[in-house]
Amino acid sequence: MTAEVQIPSLLRKATGGEKQVKVEGETVKEVLDDLTGKYPELKERILTAEGNIQPFVVLYVNNEDIRFLQDLGTPVKSGDVISILPAVAGGR
């Protein structure tokens, strides 16, 4: 299934400035595997060494938080939009 991943500005350097990229996969995990295969620099920014989502990253499929769906096993259909939202924190 071809889906679109929206890349936040904090991660666009890894995609050569692309805001959206097309990826293949039938689950969020497969989509992330395809994404990080094309853009390896994203892997450690999105996933832990164990392959889980970094604690400061939230993923959405069509505006639905995957933590409340099937997490990495959430099904993806052609035309779905996956959004990556890294938490931003800072000092004063």
C-alpha atoms as a PDB file:
ATOM      1  CA  MET A   1       0.000   0.000   0.000  1.00  0.00           C
ATOM      2  CA  THR A   2       1.309   3.440  -0.858  1.00  0.00           C
ATOM      3  CA  ALA A   3       0.950   5.959   1.933  1.00  0.00           C
ATOM      4  CA  GLU A   4       2.275   9.440   2.559  1.00  0.00           C
ATOM      5  CA  VAL A   5       4.416  10.373   5.538  1.00  0.00           C
ATOM      6  CA  GLN A   6       4.400  14.000   6.590  1.00  0.00           C
ATOM      7  CA  ILE A   7       7.860  15.002   7.764  1.00  0.00           C
ATOM      8  CA  PRO A   8       8.068  17.684  10.475  1.00  0.00           C
ATOM      9  CA  SER A   9      10.506  20.535   9.947  1.00  0.00           C
ATOM     10  CA  LEU A  10      12.827  19.171  12.654  1.00  0.00           C
ATOM     11  CA  LEU A  11      13.429  16.028  10.572  1.00  0.00           C
ATOM     12  CA  ARG A  12      13.445  17.422   7.033  1.00  0.00           C
ATOM     13  CA  LYS A  13      17.209  17.648   6.803  1.00  0.00           C
ATOM     14  CA  ALA A  14      17.233  13.831   6.742  1.00  0.00           C
ATOM     15  CA  THR A  15      14.839  13.802   3.757  1.00  0.00           C
ATOM     16  CA  GLY A  16      16.658  16.458   1.757  1.00  0.00           C
ATOM     17  CA  GLY A  17      14.055  19.023   2.726  1.00  0.00           C
ATOM     18  CA  GLU A  18      11.050  16.967   1.631  1.00  0.00           C
ATOM     19  CA  LYS A  19       7.858  17.740   3.580  1.00  0.00           C
ATOM     20  CA  GLN A  20       6.064  14.595   2.421  1.00  0.00           C
ATOM     21  CA  VAL A  21       7.380  11.288   1.162  1.00  0.00           C
ATOM     22  CA  LYS A  22       5.635   8.303  -0.395  1.00  0.00           C
ATOM     23  CA  VAL A  23       6.237   4.966   1.284  1.00  0.00           C
ATOM     24  CA  GLU A  24       5.011   1.395   1.036  1.00  0.00           C
ATOM     25  CA  GLY A  25       3.650  -0.846   3.751  1.00  0.00           C
ATOM     26  CA  GLU A  26       0.568  -2.554   5.103  1.00  0.00           C
ATOM     27  CA  THR A  27       1.242  -1.621   8.744  1.00  0.00           C
ATOM     28  CA  VAL A  28       2.852   1.347  10.469  1.00  0.00           C
ATOM     29  CA  LYS A  29       5.913  -0.837  11.155  1.00  0.00           C
ATOM     30  CA  GLU A  30       6.280  -1.691   7.461  1.00  0.00           C
ATOM     31  CA  VAL A  31       5.836   1.975   6.534  1.00  0.00           C
ATOM     32  CA  LEU A  32       8.560   2.963   9.007  1.00  0.00           C
ATOM     33  CA  ASP A  33      10.834   0.210   7.684  1.00  0.00           C
ATOM     34  CA  ASP A  34      10.411   1.590   4.160  1.00  0.00           C
ATOM     35  CA  LEU A  35      10.848   5.185   5.345  1.00  0.00           C
ATOM     36  CA  THR A  36      14.015   4.479   7.335  1.00  0.00           C
ATOM     37  CA  GLY A  37      15.352   2.321   4.506  1.00  0.00           C
ATOM     38  CA  LYS A  38      15.075   5.311   2.167  1.00  0.00           C
ATOM     39  CA  TYR A  39      16.220   7.828   4.791  1.00  0.00           C
ATOM     40  CA  PRO A  40      18.479   5.976   7.273  1.00  0.00           C
ATOM     41  CA  GLU A  41      19.185   9.109   9.323  1.00  0.00           C
ATOM     42  CA  LEU A  42      15.547   9.073  10.448  1.00  0.00           C
ATOM     43  CA  LYS A  43      15.816   5.644  12.071  1.00  0.00           C
ATOM     44  CA  GLU A  44      17.442   6.702  15.341  1.00  0.00           C
ATOM     45  CA  ARG A  45      15.335   9.858  15.460  1.00  0.00           C
ATOM     46  CA  ILE A  46      12.063   7.890  15.282  1.00  0.00           C
ATOM     47  CA  LEU A  47      12.864   4.409  16.604  1.00  0.00           C
ATOM     48  CA  THR A  48      14.739   2.983  19.578  1.00  0.00           C
ATOM     49  CA  ALA A  49      17.475   0.378  19.114  1.00  0.00           C
ATOM     50  CA  GLU A  50      14.824  -2.251  19.887  1.00  0.00           C
ATOM     51  CA  GLY A  51      12.602  -0.993  17.058  1.00  0.00           C
ATOM     52  CA  ASN A  52      10.003   0.720  19.215  1.00  0.00           C
ATOM     53  CA  ILE A  53       8.871   4.303  18.744  1.00  0.00           C
ATOM     54  CA  GLN A  54      11.013   6.796  20.634  1.00  0.00           C
ATOM     55  CA  PRO A  55       9.215   8.004  23.770  1.00  0.00           C
ATOM     56  CA  PHE A  56       9.260  11.595  22.525  1.00  0.00           C
ATOM     57  CA  VAL A  57       7.705  10.773  19.134  1.00  0.00           C
ATOM     58  CA  VAL A  58       3.982  10.376  18.446  1.00  0.00           C
ATOM     59  CA  LEU A  59       2.687   8.907  15.195  1.00  0.00           C
ATOM     60  CA  TYR A  60      -0.741   9.457  13.686  1.00  0.00           C
ATOM     61  CA  VAL A  61      -2.507   7.645  10.861  1.00  0.00           C
ATOM     62  CA  ASN A  62      -5.146   9.930   9.381  1.00  0.00           C
ATOM     63  CA  ASN A  63      -5.153  12.058  12.557  1.00  0.00           C
ATOM     64  CA  GLU A  64      -5.574   9.017  14.846  1.00  0.00           C
ATOM     65  CA  ASP A  65      -2.875   8.429  17.463  1.00  0.00           C
ATOM     66  CA  ILE A  66      -1.521   4.912  16.842  1.00  0.00           C
ATOM     67  CA  ARG A  67      -1.043   4.403  20.603  1.00  0.00           C
ATOM     68  CA  PHE A  68      -4.842   4.127  20.805  1.00  0.00           C
ATOM     69  CA  LEU A  69      -5.076   1.883  17.750  1.00  0.00           C
ATOM     70  CA  GLN A  70      -2.736  -1.074  17.221  1.00  0.00           C
ATOM     71  CA  ASP A  71       0.540   0.816  17.712  1.00  0.00           C
ATOM     72  CA  LEU A  72       3.130  -0.371  15.156  1.00  0.00           C
ATOM     73  CA  GLY A  73       0.683  -3.026  13.962  1.00  0.00           C
ATOM     74  CA  THR A  74      -1.882  -0.398  12.921  1.00  0.00           C
ATOM     75  CA  PRO A  75      -3.029  -1.201   9.374  1.00  0.00           C
ATOM     76  CA  VAL A  76      -2.237   1.272   6.610  1.00  0.00           C
ATOM     77  CA  LYS A  77      -4.281   1.587   3.420  1.00  0.00           C
ATOM     78  CA  SER A  78      -3.348   3.239   0.141  1.00  0.00           C
ATOM     79  CA  GLY A  79      -3.748   6.984   0.456  1.00  0.00           C
ATOM     80  CA  ASP A  80      -3.391   7.061   4.241  1.00  0.00           C
ATOM     81  CA  VAL A  81      -1.395   9.915   5.742  1.00  0.00           C
ATOM     82  CA  ILE A  82       1.064   9.203   8.537  1.00  0.00           C
ATOM     83  CA  SER A  83       2.183  12.184  10.600  1.00  0.00           C
ATOM     84  CA  ILE A  84       5.296  12.212  12.759  1.00  0.00           C
ATOM     85  CA  LEU A  85       5.182  14.558  15.722  1.00  0.00           C
ATOM     86  CA  PRO A  86       8.374  14.846  17.743  1.00  0.00           C
ATOM     87  CA  ALA A  87       7.889  16.438  21.144  1.00  0.00           C
ATOM     88  CA  VAL A  88       9.580  19.773  21.511  1.00  0.00           C
ATOM     89  CA  ALA A  89      10.757  20.878  24.909  1.00  0.00           C
ATOM     90  CA  GLY A  90      12.997  23.610  26.010  1.00  0.00           C
ATOM     91  CA  GLY A  91      14.117  25.891  28.733  1.00  0.00           C
ATOM     92  CA  ARG A  92      12.904  29.296  29.588  1.00  0.00           C
END
